Every structure is written in C-alpha cells, then in structure tokens.
Amino acid sequence: MLMFSSIVYGQAGKGGELTRDETTIITGALEMTQKTAKDAMTPISDTFSVDVNAVLDMYGWSFTLKMVTLK
C-alpha cells in the first residue's frame, strides 16, 4: 500500500488528481481488504459496560477509569 501512496500522493490539483487525505483514505480501505472481522474485534474479556443511567460526572469518569485499569 505504501507504493500506492507514493505513486499518487503529490499529484493533487485540478483534473481529478487525489489529495493527500484522499490517498490516505483509499490506502486504508485497501489495507482493510486483507483483514478479517476477527482482526477488528476486541475480546469480550477486554471490554466493560457502563449502566445506561450512569452519570458521567467527575466521580463517574473516575470510577470508569479505575475499572479500566483493574482489567
């Protein structure tokens, strides 16, 4: 994918050439074709949940960060 970026980047302007951002997006999309859903998933043991009614004030965020660091 680096080859694609180096060929296309730097040719932005009029006439349909790609900008750096467009090249980055396309490169990322092409890299995704080699990944499986498993590559993108987070193991359930590495996740946590917050109650839908939880108040995320300073105390709530503090509690959440403690839960994350305890894992």
PDB file of N, CA and C in Angstrom:
ATOM      1  N   MET A   1       0.810  -1.190   0.000  1.00  0.00           N
ATOM      2  CA  MET A   1       0.000   0.000   0.000  1.00  0.00           C
ATOM      3  C   MET A   1       0.856   1.258   0.000  1.00  0.00           C
ATOM      4  N   LEU A   2       2.044   1.166   0.558  1.00  0.00           N
ATOM      5  CA  LEU A   2       2.934   2.323   0.560  1.00  0.00           C
ATOM      6  C   LEU A   2       3.245   2.728  -0.869  1.00  0.00           C
ATOM      7  N   MET A   3       3.381   1.754  -1.763  1.00  0.00           N
ATOM      8  CA  MET A   3       3.676   2.061  -3.150  1.00  0.00           C
ATOM      9  C   MET A   3       2.547   2.887  -3.762  1.00  0.00           C
ATOM     10  N   PHE A   4       1.286   2.518  -3.468  1.00  0.00           N
ATOM     11  CA  PHE A   4       0.144   3.276  -3.972  1.00  0.00           C
ATOM     12  C   PHE A   4       0.224   4.723  -3.507  1.00  0.00           C
ATOM     13  N   SER A   5       0.495   4.898  -2.213  1.00  0.00           N
ATOM     14  CA  SER A   5       0.572   6.249  -1.654  1.00  0.00           C
ATOM     15  C   SER A   5       1.655   7.068  -2.316  1.00  0.00           C
ATOM     16  N   SER A   6       2.819   6.484  -2.503  1.00  0.00           N
ATOM     17  CA  SER A   6       3.926   7.245  -3.063  1.00  0.00           C
ATOM     18  C   SER A   6       3.713   7.558  -4.539  1.00  0.00           C
ATOM     19  N   ILE A   7       2.991   6.727  -5.243  1.00  0.00           N
ATOM     20  CA  ILE A   7       2.720   6.979  -6.661  1.00  0.00           C
ATOM     21  C   ILE A   7       1.714   8.106  -6.819  1.00  0.00           C
ATOM     22  N   VAL A   8       0.658   8.090  -5.993  1.00  0.00           N
ATOM     23  CA  VAL A   8      -0.453   9.007  -6.186  1.00  0.00           C
ATOM     24  C   VAL A   8      -0.289  10.314  -5.434  1.00  0.00           C
ATOM     25  N   TYR A   9       0.246  10.276  -4.229  1.00  0.00           N
ATOM     26  CA  TYR A   9       0.352  11.500  -3.420  1.00  0.00           C
ATOM     27  C   TYR A   9       1.285  12.495  -4.086  1.00  0.00           C
ATOM     28  N   GLY A  10       0.951  13.740  -3.936  1.00  0.00           N
ATOM     29  CA  GLY A  10       1.788  14.787  -4.504  1.00  0.00           C
ATOM     30  C   GLY A  10       1.339  15.214  -5.885  1.00  0.00           C
ATOM     31  N   GLN A  11       0.280  14.579  -6.383  1.00  0.00           N
ATOM     32  CA  GLN A  11      -0.215  14.928  -7.702  1.00  0.00           C
ATOM     33  C   GLN A  11      -1.573  15.622  -7.614  1.00  0.00           C
ATOM     34  N   ALA A  12      -1.868  16.212  -6.450  1.00  0.00           N
ATOM     35  CA  ALA A  12      -3.164  16.860  -6.260  1.00  0.00           C
ATOM     36  C   ALA A  12      -3.252  18.146  -7.070  1.00  0.00           C
ATOM     37  N   GLY A  13      -4.439  18.464  -7.449  1.00  0.00           N
ATOM     38  CA  GLY A  13      -4.670  19.690  -8.206  1.00  0.00           C
ATOM     39  C   GLY A  13      -5.947  19.569  -9.001  1.00  0.00           C
ATOM     40  N   LYS A  14      -6.016  20.257 -10.094  1.00  0.00           N
ATOM     41  CA  LYS A  14      -7.207  20.215 -10.940  1.00  0.00           C
ATOM     42  C   LYS A  14      -7.165  18.961 -11.810  1.00  0.00           C
ATOM     43  N   GLY A  15      -8.340  18.565 -12.265  1.00  0.00           N
ATOM     44  CA  GLY A  15      -8.393  17.457 -13.205  1.00  0.00           C
ATOM     45  C   GLY A  15      -8.586  16.094 -12.566  1.00  0.00           C
ATOM     46  N   GLY A  16      -8.974  16.047 -11.298  1.00  0.00           N
ATOM     47  CA  GLY A  16      -9.313  14.778 -10.677  1.00  0.00           C
ATOM     48  C   GLY A  16      -8.182  14.074  -9.968  1.00  0.00           C
ATOM     49  N   GLU A  17      -7.032  14.682  -9.815  1.00  0.00           N
ATOM     50  CA  GLU A  17      -5.958  14.049  -9.069  1.00  0.00           C
ATOM     51  C   GLU A  17      -6.324  13.996  -7.600  1.00  0.00           C
ATOM     52  N   LEU A  18      -5.708  13.080  -6.880  1.00  0.00           N
ATOM     53  CA  LEU A  18      -6.049  12.849  -5.481  1.00  0.00           C
ATOM     54  C   LEU A  18      -5.243  13.729  -4.533  1.00  0.00           C
ATOM     55  N   THR A  19      -5.905  14.163  -3.460  1.00  0.00           N
ATOM     56  CA  THR A  19      -5.215  14.900  -2.408  1.00  0.00           C
ATOM     57  C   THR A  19      -4.579  13.895  -1.455  1.00  0.00           C
ATOM     58  N   ARG A  20      -3.780  14.398  -0.535  1.00  0.00           N
ATOM     59  CA  ARG A  20      -3.145  13.531   0.468  1.00  0.00           C
ATOM     60  C   ARG A  20      -4.207  12.816   1.304  1.00  0.00           C
ATOM     61  N   ASP A  21      -5.249  13.540   1.721  1.00  0.00           N
ATOM     62  CA  ASP A  21      -6.314  12.931   2.522  1.00  0.00           C
ATOM     63  C   ASP A  21      -7.028  11.824   1.744  1.00  0.00           C
ATOM     64  N   GLU A  22      -7.318  12.075   0.491  1.00  0.00           N
ATOM     65  CA  GLU A  22      -7.986  11.064  -0.331  1.00  0.00           C
ATOM     66  C   GLU A  22      -7.104   9.830  -0.494  1.00  0.00           C
ATOM     67  N   THR A  23      -5.826  10.042  -0.696  1.00  0.00           N
ATOM     68  CA  THR A  23      -4.883   8.933  -0.826  1.00  0.00           C
ATOM     69  C   THR A  23      -4.828   8.115   0.463  1.00  0.00           C
ATOM     70  N   THR A  24      -4.836   8.806   1.604  1.00  0.00           N
ATOM     71  CA  THR A  24      -4.811   8.123   2.898  1.00  0.00           C
ATOM     72  C   THR A  24      -6.055   7.270   3.077  1.00  0.00           C
ATOM     73  N   ILE A  25      -7.215   7.807   2.723  1.00  0.00           N
ATOM     74  CA  ILE A  25      -8.471   7.073   2.849  1.00  0.00           C
ATOM     75  C   ILE A  25      -8.467   5.838   1.961  1.00  0.00           C
ATOM     76  N   ILE A  26      -8.060   5.985   0.730  1.00  0.00           N
ATOM     77  CA  ILE A  26      -8.039   4.853  -0.202  1.00  0.00           C
ATOM     78  C   ILE A  26      -7.046   3.798   0.261  1.00  0.00           C
ATOM     79  N   THR A  27      -5.878   4.220   0.714  1.00  0.00           N
ATOM     80  CA  THR A  27      -4.867   3.280   1.207  1.00  0.00           C
ATOM     81  C   THR A  27      -5.413   2.493   2.386  1.00  0.00           C
ATOM     82  N   GLY A  28      -6.078   3.174   3.328  1.00  0.00           N
ATOM     83  CA  GLY A  28      -6.675   2.496   4.478  1.00  0.00           C
ATOM     84  C   GLY A  28      -7.734   1.500   4.052  1.00  0.00           C
ATOM     85  N   ALA A  29      -8.548   1.871   3.086  1.00  0.00           N
ATOM     86  CA  ALA A  29      -9.594   0.969   2.605  1.00  0.00           C
ATOM     87  C   ALA A  29      -8.988  -0.263   1.943  1.00  0.00           C
ATOM     88  N   LEU A  30      -7.929  -0.071   1.177  1.00  0.00           N
ATOM     89  CA  LEU A  30      -7.284  -1.210   0.525  1.00  0.00           C
ATOM     90  C   LEU A  30      -6.626  -2.139   1.537  1.00  0.00           C
ATOM     91  N   GLU A  31      -6.078  -1.565   2.617  1.00  0.00           N
ATOM     92  CA  GLU A  31      -5.478  -2.394   3.666  1.00  0.00           C
ATOM     93  C   GLU A  31      -6.538  -3.220   4.383  1.00  0.00           C
ATOM     94  N   MET A  32      -7.752  -2.699   4.461  1.00  0.00           N
ATOM     95  CA  MET A  32      -8.839  -3.421   5.136  1.00  0.00           C
ATOM     96  C   MET A  32      -9.231  -4.683   4.373  1.00  0.00           C
ATOM     97  N   THR A  33      -8.954  -4.751   3.080  1.00  0.00           N
ATOM     98  CA  THR A  33      -9.335  -5.932   2.308  1.00  0.00           C
ATOM     99  C   THR A  33      -8.560  -7.166   2.743  1.00  0.00           C
ATOM    100  N   GLN A  34      -7.457  -6.969   3.449  1.00  0.00           N
ATOM    101  CA  GLN A  34      -6.643  -8.087   3.896  1.00  0.00           C
ATOM    102  C   GLN A  34      -6.957  -8.480   5.329  1.00  0.00           C
ATOM    103  N   LYS A  35      -7.902  -7.812   5.979  1.00  0.00           N
ATOM    104  CA  LYS A  35      -8.230  -8.085   7.375  1.00  0.00           C
ATOM    105  C   LYS A  35      -9.535  -8.865   7.461  1.00  0.00           C
ATOM    106  N   THR A  36      -9.657  -9.638   8.525  1.00  0.00           N
ATOM    107  CA  THR A  36     -10.897 -10.354   8.781  1.00  0.00           C
ATOM    108  C   THR A  36     -11.635  -9.662   9.921  1.00  0.00           C
ATOM    109  N   ALA A  37     -12.874 -10.042  10.139  1.00  0.00           N
ATOM    110  CA  ALA A  37     -13.641  -9.471  11.247  1.00  0.00           C
ATOM    111  C   ALA A  37     -12.933  -9.749  12.566  1.00  0.00           C
ATOM    112  N   LYS A  38     -12.317 -10.898  12.692  1.00  0.00           N
ATOM    113  CA  LYS A  38     -11.604 -11.254  13.917  1.00  0.00           C
ATOM    114  C   LYS A  38     -10.493 -10.260  14.218  1.00  0.00           C
ATOM    115  N   ASP A  39      -9.811  -9.765  13.184  1.00  0.00           N
ATOM    116  CA  ASP A  39      -8.737  -8.784  13.368  1.00  0.00           C
ATOM    117  C   ASP A  39      -9.261  -7.480  13.972  1.00  0.00           C
ATOM    118  N   ALA A  40     -10.504  -7.142  13.689  1.00  0.00           N
ATOM    119  CA  ALA A  40     -11.067  -5.873  14.132  1.00  0.00           C
ATOM    120  C   ALA A  40     -11.804  -5.972  15.466  1.00  0.00           C
ATOM    121  N   MET A  41     -12.007  -7.177  15.955  1.00  0.00           N
ATOM    122  CA  MET A  41     -12.803  -7.376  17.166  1.00  0.00           C
ATOM    123  C   MET A  41     -11.960  -7.271  18.433  1.00  0.00           C
ATOM    124  N   THR A  42     -12.602  -6.843  19.509  1.00  0.00           N
ATOM    125  CA  THR A  42     -11.988  -6.784  20.833  1.00  0.00           C
ATOM    126  C   THR A  42     -12.478  -7.981  21.636  1.00  0.00           C
ATOM    127  N   PRO A  43     -11.582  -8.741  22.242  1.00  0.00           N
ATOM    128  CA  PRO A  43     -12.037  -9.884  23.056  1.00  0.00           C
ATOM    129  C   PRO A  43     -12.992  -9.411  24.156  1.00  0.00           C
ATOM    130  N   ILE A  44     -14.048 -10.162  24.400  1.00  0.00           N
ATOM    131  CA  ILE A  44     -15.043  -9.776  25.392  1.00  0.00           C
ATOM    132  C   ILE A  44     -14.418  -9.599  26.768  1.00  0.00           C
ATOM    133  N   SER A  45     -13.348 -10.321  27.043  1.00  0.00           N
ATOM    134  CA  SER A  45     -12.680 -10.200  28.346  1.00  0.00           C
ATOM    135  C   SER A  45     -11.987  -8.840  28.506  1.00  0.00           C
ATOM    136  N   ASP A  46     -11.773  -8.127  27.411  1.00  0.00           N
ATOM    137  CA  ASP A  46     -11.135  -6.809  27.455  1.00  0.00           C
ATOM    138  C   ASP A  46     -12.147  -5.664  27.419  1.00  0.00           C
ATOM    139  N   THR A  47     -13.426  -5.981  27.536  1.00  0.00           N
ATOM    140  CA  THR A  47     -14.458  -4.955  27.467  1.00  0.00           C
ATOM    141  C   THR A  47     -15.135  -4.758  28.823  1.00  0.00           C
ATOM    142  N   PHE A  48     -15.865  -3.681  28.943  1.00  0.00           N
ATOM    143  CA  PHE A  48     -16.676  -3.434  30.127  1.00  0.00           C
ATOM    144  C   PHE A  48     -17.878  -2.611  29.690  1.00  0.00           C
ATOM    145  N   SER A  49     -18.853  -2.504  30.559  1.00  0.00           N
ATOM    146  CA  SER A  49     -20.028  -1.713  30.218  1.00  0.00           C
ATOM    147  C   SER A  49     -20.316  -0.711  31.311  1.00  0.00           C
ATOM    148  N   VAL A  50     -21.023   0.323  30.934  1.00  0.00           N
ATOM    149  CA  VAL A  50     -21.451   1.362  31.860  1.00  0.00           C
ATOM    150  C   VAL A  50     -22.972   1.383  31.800  1.00  0.00           C
ATOM    151  N   ASP A  51     -23.605   1.430  32.950  1.00  0.00           N
ATOM    152  CA  ASP A  51     -25.063   1.462  33.009  1.00  0.00           C
ATOM    153  C   ASP A  51     -25.595   2.638  32.203  1.00  0.00           C
ATOM    154  N   VAL A  52     -26.671   2.402  31.498  1.00  0.00           N
ATOM    155  CA  VAL A  52     -27.247   3.433  30.647  1.00  0.00           C
ATOM    156  C   VAL A  52     -27.684   4.650  31.460  1.00  0.00           C
ATOM    157  N   ASN A  53     -27.988   4.473  32.735  1.00  0.00           N
ATOM    158  CA  ASN A  53     -28.416   5.570  33.590  1.00  0.00           C
ATOM    159  C   ASN A  53     -27.268   6.185  34.395  1.00  0.00           C
ATOM    160  N   ALA A  54     -26.058   5.744  34.152  1.00  0.00           N
ATOM    161  CA  ALA A  54     -24.913   6.249  34.905  1.00  0.00           C
ATOM    162  C   ALA A  54     -24.676   7.725  34.601  1.00  0.00           C
ATOM    163  N   VAL A  55     -24.312   8.451  35.627  1.00  0.00           N
ATOM    164  CA  VAL A  55     -23.974   9.867  35.463  1.00  0.00           C
ATOM    165  C   VAL A  55     -22.460   9.943  35.278  1.00  0.00           C
ATOM    166  N   LEU A  56     -22.038  10.499  34.160  1.00  0.00           N
ATOM    167  CA  LEU A  56     -20.608  10.557  33.879  1.00  0.00           C
ATOM    168  C   LEU A  56     -20.039  11.920  34.259  1.00  0.00           C
ATOM    169  N   ASP A  57     -20.152  12.224  35.541  1.00  0.00           N
ATOM    170  CA  ASP A  57     -19.518  13.416  36.093  1.00  0.00           C
ATOM    171  C   ASP A  57     -18.096  13.028  36.505  1.00  0.00           C
ATOM    172  N   MET A  58     -17.430  13.835  37.281  1.00  0.00           N
ATOM    173  CA  MET A  58     -16.053  13.516  37.694  1.00  0.00           C
ATOM    174  C   MET A  58     -15.987  12.186  38.427  1.00  0.00           C
ATOM    175  N   TYR A  59     -16.966  11.910  39.304  1.00  0.00           N
ATOM    176  CA  TYR A  59     -16.984  10.648  40.031  1.00  0.00           C
ATOM    177  C   TYR A  59     -17.194   9.482  39.063  1.00  0.00           C
ATOM    178  N   GLY A  60     -18.148   9.658  38.153  1.00  0.00           N
ATOM    179  CA  GLY A  60     -18.453   8.595  37.192  1.00  0.00           C
ATOM    180  C   GLY A  60     -17.270   8.254  36.308  1.00  0.00           C
ATOM    181  N   TRP A  61     -16.589   9.286  35.805  1.00  0.00           N
ATOM    182  CA  TRP A  61     -15.411   9.057  34.971  1.00  0.00           C
ATOM    183  C   TRP A  61     -14.288   8.421  35.778  1.00  0.00           C
ATOM    184  N   SER A  62     -14.120   8.885  37.012  1.00  0.00           N
ATOM    185  CA  SER A  62     -13.086   8.325  37.879  1.00  0.00           C
ATOM    186  C   SER A  62     -13.323   6.837  38.097  1.00  0.00           C
ATOM    187  N   PHE A  63     -14.568   6.478  38.384  1.00  0.00           N
ATOM    188  CA  PHE A  63     -14.932   5.074  38.591  1.00  0.00           C
ATOM    189  C   PHE A  63     -14.664   4.262  37.318  1.00  0.00           C
ATOM    190  N   THR A  64     -15.060   4.813  36.183  1.00  0.00           N
ATOM    191  CA  THR A  64     -14.869   4.117  34.903  1.00  0.00           C
ATOM    192  C   THR A  64     -13.387   3.889  34.627  1.00  0.00           C
ATOM    193  N   LEU A  65     -12.564   4.895  34.851  1.00  0.00           N
ATOM    194  CA  LEU A  65     -11.129   4.745  34.608  1.00  0.00           C
ATOM    195  C   LEU A  65     -10.509   3.709  35.553  1.00  0.00           C
ATOM    196  N   LYS A  66     -10.983   3.661  36.797  1.00  0.00           N
ATOM    197  CA  LYS A  66     -10.498   2.648  37.729  1.00  0.00           C
ATOM    198  C   LYS A  66     -10.865   1.257  37.242  1.00  0.00           C
ATOM    199  N   MET A  67     -12.056   1.091  36.719  1.00  0.00           N
ATOM    200  CA  MET A  67     -12.493  -0.208  36.200  1.00  0.00           C
ATOM    201  C   MET A  67     -11.618  -0.632  35.021  1.00  0.00           C
ATOM    202  N   VAL A  68     -11.269   0.299  34.180  1.00  0.00           N
ATOM    203  CA  VAL A  68     -10.440   0.001  33.013  1.00  0.00           C
ATOM    204  C   VAL A  68      -9.040  -0.428  33.461  1.00  0.00           C
ATOM    205  N   THR A  69      -8.477   0.256  34.432  1.00  0.00           N
ATOM    206  CA  THR A  69      -7.122  -0.074  34.858  1.00  0.00           C
ATOM    207  C   THR A  69      -7.062  -1.351  35.682  1.00  0.00           C
ATOM    208  N   LEU A  70      -8.184  -1.782  36.252  1.00  0.00           N
ATOM    209  CA  LEU A  70      -8.211  -3.024  37.028  1.00  0.00           C
ATOM    210  C   LEU A  70      -8.207  -4.257  36.121  1.00  0.00           C
ATOM    211  N   LYS A  71      -8.571  -4.113  34.905  1.00  0.00           N
ATOM    212  CA  LYS A  71      -8.647  -5.263  33.975  1.00  0.00           C
ATOM    213  C   LYS A  71      -7.291  -5.752  33.591  1.00  0.00           C
TER     214      LYS A  71
END
